[in-house]
Amino acid sequence: MQRKPDLLWILVILFGLGVVTTGYAQSLWTNKTDAPVELAQQPPQLFKR
Protein backbone atom coordinates (compact mmCIF):
# COMPACT_ATOMS: atom_id res chain seq x y z
CA MET A 1 0.00 0.00 0.00
CA GLN A 2 2.92 2.35 0.51
CA ARG A 3 4.13 2.11 -3.07
CA LYS A 4 1.04 3.73 -4.58
CA PRO A 5 1.39 7.04 -2.70
CA ASP A 6 5.09 7.10 -3.60
CA LEU A 7 4.24 6.74 -7.30
CA LEU A 8 1.63 9.47 -6.97
CA TRP A 9 4.17 11.82 -5.35
CA ILE A 10 6.68 11.07 -8.12
CA LEU A 11 4.06 11.88 -10.76
CA VAL A 12 3.12 15.09 -8.93
CA ILE A 13 6.77 16.16 -8.73
CA LEU A 14 7.35 15.38 -12.41
CA PHE A 15 4.22 17.31 -13.37
CA GLY A 16 5.37 20.29 -11.28
CA LEU A 17 8.80 20.23 -12.90
CA GLY A 18 7.17 20.12 -16.32
CA VAL A 19 5.03 23.14 -15.52
CA VAL A 20 8.05 25.07 -14.20
CA THR A 21 10.24 24.21 -17.18
CA THR A 22 7.56 25.11 -19.73
CA GLY A 23 6.92 28.42 -17.97
CA TYR A 24 10.65 29.15 -17.95
CA ALA A 25 10.98 28.22 -21.64
CA GLN A 26 8.02 30.43 -22.57
CA SER A 27 9.52 33.37 -20.64
CA LEU A 28 12.81 32.92 -22.52
CA TRP A 29 10.93 32.63 -25.82
CA THR A 30 8.97 35.84 -25.23
CA ASN A 31 12.17 37.67 -24.28
CA LYS A 32 13.86 36.57 -27.52
CA THR A 33 11.01 37.16 -29.98
CA ASP A 34 13.18 39.19 -32.37
CA ALA A 35 15.60 36.39 -33.29
CA PRO A 36 13.03 33.73 -34.37
CA VAL A 37 11.07 36.31 -36.38
CA GLU A 38 14.22 37.44 -38.20
CA LEU A 39 15.24 33.83 -38.89
CA ALA A 40 11.76 33.06 -40.18
CA GLN A 41 11.76 36.11 -42.48
CA GLN A 42 15.23 35.57 -43.96
CA PRO A 43 14.64 32.29 -45.90
CA PRO A 44 11.68 33.66 -47.93
CA GLN A 45 13.86 36.64 -48.95
CA LEU A 46 16.49 34.21 -50.19
CA PHE A 47 13.88 32.35 -52.23
CA LYS A 48 12.58 35.62 -53.73
CA ARG A 49 16.06 36.51 -54.96
C-alpha atoms as a PDB file:
ATOM      1  CA  MET A   1       0.000   0.000   0.000  1.00  0.00           C
ATOM      2  CA  GLN A   2       2.923   2.347   0.512  1.00  0.00           C
ATOM      3  CA  ARG A   3       4.132   2.111  -3.074  1.00  0.00           C
ATOM      4  CA  LYS A   4       1.035   3.725  -4.585  1.00  0.00           C
ATOM      5  CA  PRO A   5       1.393   7.044  -2.695  1.00  0.00           C
ATOM      6  CA  ASP A   6       5.094   7.097  -3.604  1.00  0.00           C
ATOM      7  CA  LEU A   7       4.242   6.738  -7.295  1.00  0.00           C
ATOM      8  CA  LEU A   8       1.634   9.470  -6.974  1.00  0.00           C
ATOM      9  CA  TRP A   9       4.168  11.822  -5.348  1.00  0.00           C
ATOM     10  CA  ILE A  10       6.677  11.074  -8.122  1.00  0.00           C
ATOM     11  CA  LEU A  11       4.056  11.879 -10.758  1.00  0.00           C
ATOM     12  CA  VAL A  12       3.120  15.086  -8.930  1.00  0.00           C
ATOM     13  CA  ILE A  13       6.768  16.164  -8.728  1.00  0.00           C
ATOM     14  CA  LEU A  14       7.352  15.378 -12.406  1.00  0.00           C
ATOM     15  CA  PHE A  15       4.218  17.307 -13.368  1.00  0.00           C
ATOM     16  CA  GLY A  16       5.373  20.286 -11.281  1.00  0.00           C
ATOM     17  CA  LEU A  17       8.800  20.234 -12.897  1.00  0.00           C
ATOM     18  CA  GLY A  18       7.167  20.120 -16.325  1.00  0.00           C
ATOM     19  CA  VAL A  19       5.033  23.142 -15.523  1.00  0.00           C
ATOM     20  CA  VAL A  20       8.047  25.071 -14.200  1.00  0.00           C
ATOM     21  CA  THR A  21      10.244  24.213 -17.180  1.00  0.00           C
ATOM     22  CA  THR A  22       7.558  25.108 -19.728  1.00  0.00           C
ATOM     23  CA  GLY A  23       6.922  28.421 -17.972  1.00  0.00           C
ATOM     24  CA  TYR A  24      10.653  29.155 -17.951  1.00  0.00           C
ATOM     25  CA  ALA A  25      10.983  28.224 -21.635  1.00  0.00           C
ATOM     26  CA  GLN A  26       8.022  30.435 -22.570  1.00  0.00           C
ATOM     27  CA  SER A  27       9.522  33.366 -20.643  1.00  0.00           C
ATOM     28  CA  LEU A  28      12.809  32.919 -22.519  1.00  0.00           C
ATOM     29  CA  TRP A  29      10.931  32.631 -25.817  1.00  0.00           C
ATOM     30  CA  THR A  30       8.968  35.842 -25.233  1.00  0.00           C
ATOM     31  CA  ASN A  31      12.167  37.671 -24.281  1.00  0.00           C
ATOM     32  CA  LYS A  32      13.855  36.571 -27.521  1.00  0.00           C
ATOM     33  CA  THR A  33      11.007  37.156 -29.984  1.00  0.00           C
ATOM     34  CA  ASP A  34      13.181  39.194 -32.367  1.00  0.00           C
ATOM     35  CA  ALA A  35      15.603  36.392 -33.290  1.00  0.00           C
ATOM     36  CA  PRO A  36      13.029  33.733 -34.374  1.00  0.00           C
ATOM     37  CA  VAL A  37      11.072  36.306 -36.383  1.00  0.00           C
ATOM     38  CA  GLU A  38      14.223  37.437 -38.201  1.00  0.00           C
ATOM     39  CA  LEU A  39      15.237  33.834 -38.892  1.00  0.00           C
ATOM     40  CA  ALA A  40      11.761  33.063 -40.180  1.00  0.00           C
ATOM     41  CA  GLN A  41      11.764  36.109 -42.478  1.00  0.00           C
ATOM     42  CA  GLN A  42      15.230  35.569 -43.963  1.00  0.00           C
ATOM     43  CA  PRO A  43      14.644  32.295 -45.903  1.00  0.00           C
ATOM     44  CA  PRO A  44      11.677  33.662 -47.935  1.00  0.00           C
ATOM     45  CA  GLN A  45      13.856  36.637 -48.954  1.00  0.00           C
ATOM     46  CA  LEU A  46      16.492  34.206 -50.194  1.00  0.00           C
ATOM     47  CA  PHE A  47      13.884  32.347 -52.234  1.00  0.00           C
ATOM     48  CA  LYS A  48      12.581  35.621 -53.730  1.00  0.00           C
ATOM     49  CA  ARG A  49      16.058  36.511 -54.957  1.00  0.00           C
END
